[in-house]
C-alpha atoms as a PDB file:
ATOM      1  CA  MET A   1      15.458 -15.228  13.740  1.00  0.00           C
ATOM      2  CA  SER A   2      15.443 -12.287  16.343  1.00  0.00           C
ATOM      3  CA  ASN A   3      17.373 -10.313  13.917  1.00  0.00           C
ATOM      4  CA  GLN A   4      14.853 -10.268  11.565  1.00  0.00           C
ATOM      5  CA  ARG A   5      13.544  -6.292  11.209  1.00  0.00           C
ATOM      6  CA  SER A   6       9.807  -6.133  12.284  1.00  0.00           C
ATOM      7  CA  ARG A   7       9.465  -2.429  11.319  1.00  0.00           C
ATOM      8  CA  ASP A   8      10.744  -0.179   8.244  1.00  0.00           C
ATOM      9  CA  THR A   9      11.174  -3.416   6.002  1.00  0.00           C
ATOM     10  CA  ASP A  10      12.361  -2.732   2.414  1.00  0.00           C
ATOM     11  CA  ILE A  11       8.684  -3.636   1.068  1.00  0.00           C
ATOM     12  CA  GLU A  12       7.178  -1.385   3.896  1.00  0.00           C
ATOM     13  CA  ILE A  13       9.186   1.670   2.983  1.00  0.00           C
ATOM     14  CA  ALA A  14       8.731   1.173  -0.786  1.00  0.00           C
ATOM     15  CA  LEU A  15       4.988   1.221  -0.300  1.00  0.00           C
ATOM     16  CA  ARG A  16       5.014   4.275   1.791  1.00  0.00           C
ATOM     17  CA  ARG A  17       6.847   5.894  -0.882  1.00  0.00           C
ATOM     18  CA  ALA A  18       4.743   4.865  -3.352  1.00  0.00           C
ATOM     19  CA  LEU A  19       1.499   6.052  -1.510  1.00  0.00           C
ATOM     20  CA  HIS A  20       3.201   9.292  -0.591  1.00  0.00           C
ATOM     21  CA  ALA A  21       3.790   9.912  -4.400  1.00  0.00           C
ATOM     22  CA  ALA A  22       0.183   9.215  -4.691  1.00  0.00           C
ATOM     23  CA  GLY A  23      -0.473  11.970  -2.590  1.00  0.00           C
ATOM     24  CA  LEU A  24      -1.652  10.261   0.353  1.00  0.00           C
ATOM     25  CA  ARG A  25      -0.695  11.017   3.757  1.00  0.00           C
ATOM     26  CA  TYR A  26      -0.874   8.496   6.669  1.00  0.00           C
ATOM     27  CA  ARG A  27       0.384   7.689  10.122  1.00  0.00           C
ATOM     28  CA  VAL A  28       3.100   4.967  10.629  1.00  0.00           C
ATOM     29  CA  HIS A  29       2.895   2.175  13.420  1.00  0.00           C
ATOM     30  CA  ARG A  30       0.047   3.453  15.223  1.00  0.00           C
ATOM     31  CA  ARG A  31      -2.719   1.334  16.849  1.00  0.00           C
ATOM     32  CA  PRO A  32      -6.131   1.766  15.170  1.00  0.00           C
ATOM     33  CA  LEU A  33      -7.915   1.273  18.266  1.00  0.00           C
ATOM     34  CA  LYS A  34      -6.756   2.248  21.600  1.00  0.00           C
ATOM     35  CA  ASP A  35      -7.945  -0.760  23.723  1.00  0.00           C
ATOM     36  CA  VAL A  36      -6.467  -3.390  21.247  1.00  0.00           C
ATOM     37  CA  ARG A  37      -2.500  -3.764  21.360  1.00  0.00           C
ATOM     38  CA  ARG A  38      -2.000  -4.085  17.989  1.00  0.00           C
ATOM     39  CA  GLU A  39      -0.445  -1.800  15.488  1.00  0.00           C
ATOM     40  CA  ALA A  40      -0.869  -1.105  11.957  1.00  0.00           C
ATOM     41  CA  ASP A  41       2.346  -0.431   9.856  1.00  0.00           C
ATOM     42  CA  ILE A  42       0.361   2.309   7.862  1.00  0.00           C
ATOM     43  CA  LEU A  43      -2.741   4.059   9.202  1.00  0.00           C
ATOM     44  CA  PHE A  44      -5.255   6.320   7.203  1.00  0.00           C
ATOM     45  CA  GLY A  45      -7.291   7.532  10.190  1.00  0.00           C
ATOM     46  CA  PRO A  46     -10.030   9.689   8.569  1.00  0.00           C
ATOM     47  CA  ALA A  47     -10.658   6.917   6.019  1.00  0.00           C
ATOM     48  CA  ARG A  48     -10.436   4.214   8.779  1.00  0.00           C
ATOM     49  CA  VAL A  49      -8.145   2.010   6.763  1.00  0.00           C
ATOM     50  CA  ALA A  50      -5.736   0.168   8.223  1.00  0.00           C
ATOM     51  CA  VAL A  51      -2.798  -1.662   6.204  1.00  0.00           C
ATOM     52  CA  PHE A  52      -0.332  -4.629   7.610  1.00  0.00           C
ATOM     53  CA  VAL A  53       2.274  -5.763   5.607  1.00  0.00           C
ATOM     54  CA  ASP A  54       2.880  -9.312   6.462  1.00  0.00           C
ATOM     55  CA  GLY A  55       6.306 -11.287   5.613  1.00  0.00           C
ATOM     56  CA  CYS A  56       5.461 -14.561   3.965  1.00  0.00           C
ATOM     57  CA  PHE A  57       7.232 -16.665   6.500  1.00  0.00           C
ATOM     58  CA  TRP A  58       5.918 -15.344   9.728  1.00  0.00           C
ATOM     59  CA  HIS A  59       2.254 -15.074   8.687  1.00  0.00           C
ATOM     60  CA  GLY A  60       2.012 -18.426   6.474  1.00  0.00           C
ATOM     61  CA  CYS A  61       1.762 -16.718   2.807  1.00  0.00           C
ATOM     62  CA  PRO A  62      -0.470 -19.247   0.749  1.00  0.00           C
ATOM     63  CA  GLN A  63       1.898 -19.073  -2.062  1.00  0.00           C
ATOM     64  CA  HIS A  64       5.323 -18.798  -0.452  1.00  0.00           C
ATOM     65  CA  ALA A  65       4.906 -20.439   2.997  1.00  0.00           C
ATOM     66  CA  THR A  66       7.473 -22.796   4.318  1.00  0.00           C
ATOM     67  CA  TRP A  67       7.517 -25.181   7.230  1.00  0.00           C
ATOM     68  CA  PRO A  68      10.665 -25.256   8.749  1.00  0.00           C
ATOM     69  CA  LYS A  69      11.950 -28.954   9.450  1.00  0.00           C
ATOM     70  CA  ASN A  70      13.709 -28.315  12.409  1.00  0.00           C
ATOM     71  CA  ASN A  71      11.766 -27.664  15.517  1.00  0.00           C
ATOM     72  CA  ALA A  72       8.635 -28.231  13.150  1.00  0.00           C
ATOM     73  CA  VAL A  73       6.205 -28.299  15.972  1.00  0.00           C
ATOM     74  CA  PHE A  74       7.239 -25.152  17.553  1.00  0.00           C
ATOM     75  CA  TRP A  75       7.263 -23.136  14.108  1.00  0.00           C
ATOM     76  CA  ARG A  76       4.039 -24.558  12.801  1.00  0.00           C
ATOM     77  CA  GLU A  77       2.344 -23.348  16.255  1.00  0.00           C
ATOM     78  CA  LYS A  78       3.971 -20.276  16.106  1.00  0.00           C
ATOM     79  CA  ILE A  79       2.800 -19.352  12.540  1.00  0.00           C
ATOM     80  CA  GLU A  80      -0.629 -20.762  13.145  1.00  0.00           C
ATOM     81  CA  LYS A  81      -0.997 -18.238  16.214  1.00  0.00           C
ATOM     82  CA  ASN A  82       0.168 -15.316  13.967  1.00  0.00           C
ATOM     83  CA  ARG A  83      -2.706 -16.652  11.570  1.00  0.00           C
ATOM     84  CA  ALA A  84      -5.265 -16.638  14.123  1.00  0.00           C
ATOM     85  CA  ARG A  85      -3.898 -13.259  15.731  1.00  0.00           C
ATOM     86  CA  ASP A  86      -4.294 -11.434  11.899  1.00  0.00           C
ATOM     87  CA  CYS A  87      -7.884 -13.092  11.701  1.00  0.00           C
ATOM     88  CA  ASP A  88      -8.853 -11.707  15.097  1.00  0.00           C
ATOM     89  CA  THR A  89      -7.195  -7.994  14.449  1.00  0.00           C
ATOM     90  CA  ASP A  90      -9.337  -7.925  11.225  1.00  0.00           C
ATOM     91  CA  ALA A  91     -12.543  -8.723  13.123  1.00  0.00           C
ATOM     92  CA  ARG A  92     -12.065  -6.509  15.718  1.00  0.00           C
ATOM     93  CA  LEU A  93     -11.071  -3.653  13.070  1.00  0.00           C
ATOM     94  CA  ALA A  94     -14.448  -4.450  10.754  1.00  0.00           C
ATOM     95  CA  GLU A  95     -16.214  -4.268  14.149  1.00  0.00           C
ATOM     96  CA  ALA A  96     -15.105  -0.955  14.853  1.00  0.00           C
ATOM     97  CA  GLY A  97     -15.749   0.258  11.024  1.00  0.00           C
ATOM     98  CA  TRP A  98     -12.323   0.118   9.932  1.00  0.00           C
ATOM     99  CA  VAL A  99     -10.945  -1.847   7.051  1.00  0.00           C
ATOM    100  CA  SER A 100      -7.866  -3.764   7.099  1.00  0.00           C
ATOM    101  CA  ILE A 101      -5.490  -4.566   4.444  1.00  0.00           C
ATOM    102  CA  ARG A 102      -3.222  -7.109   3.964  1.00  0.00           C
ATOM    103  CA  VAL A 103       0.013  -6.778   1.685  1.00  0.00           C
ATOM    104  CA  TRP A 104       2.064  -9.789   1.346  1.00  0.00           C
ATOM    105  CA  GLU A 105       5.798  -8.837   1.203  1.00  0.00           C
ATOM    106  CA  HIS A 106       6.189 -10.420  -2.179  1.00  0.00           C
ATOM    107  CA  GLU A 107       3.611  -8.250  -3.595  1.00  0.00           C
ATOM    108  CA  THR A 108       5.355  -5.109  -5.494  1.00  0.00           C
ATOM    109  CA  ALA A 109       4.816  -1.637  -4.010  1.00  0.00           C
ATOM    110  CA  ALA A 110       3.159  -0.252  -6.940  1.00  0.00           C
ATOM    111  CA  GLU A 111       0.375  -2.556  -7.247  1.00  0.00           C
ATOM    112  CA  ALA A 112      -0.183  -2.591  -3.231  1.00  0.00           C
ATOM    113  CA  ALA A 113      -0.197   1.075  -3.245  1.00  0.00           C
ATOM    114  CA  GLU A 114      -2.689   1.275  -6.051  1.00  0.00           C
ATOM    115  CA  ARG A 115      -5.252  -1.328  -4.430  1.00  0.00           C
ATOM    116  CA  ILE A 116      -4.712   0.916  -1.291  1.00  0.00           C
ATOM    117  CA  ALA A 117      -5.061   4.528  -2.620  1.00  0.00           C
ATOM    118  CA  THR A 118      -8.606   2.939  -4.007  1.00  0.00           C
ATOM    119  CA  LEU A 119      -9.941   1.763  -1.193  1.00  0.00           C
ATOM    120  CA  VAL A 120      -8.610   5.091   1.015  1.00  0.00           C
ATOM    121  CA  ARG A 121      -9.918   7.538  -1.641  1.00  0.00           C
ATOM    122  CA  GLY A 122     -13.515   5.730  -1.790  1.00  0.00           C
ATOM    123  CA  ARG A 123     -13.804   5.901   2.292  1.00  0.00           C
ATOM    124  CA  ARG A 124     -12.608   9.450   2.922  1.00  0.00           C
ATOM    125  CA  PRO A 125     -15.205  11.140   4.594  1.00  0.00           C
ATOM    126  CA  ALA A 126     -17.250  13.882   2.344  1.00  0.00           C
END
């Protein structure tokens, strides 16, 4: 499992390409809040939008989550901690005026990019 990529996954790169093609500019792998040790995969600073690309296994996707049979207790606890951390991150960002968007790895980049672009354009400062 340590060989799994945590950055620059196929869906993340496809999503960044789609967002760039839509004319949006962004930062990659940055902390939205300096005092919180969590990085957004894609960050739109002026619009205050943080995008997180979540893997179906690691973050317990409601559609595709699988629970391993080997070492089941460990993996269930690990995935549940990831889910709790995701909720905490979303709450901290919302408290600071940010919007977080979660994109599942099974989503198409085009659909996710459209959803993100609409939100970012609506939140840009005038």
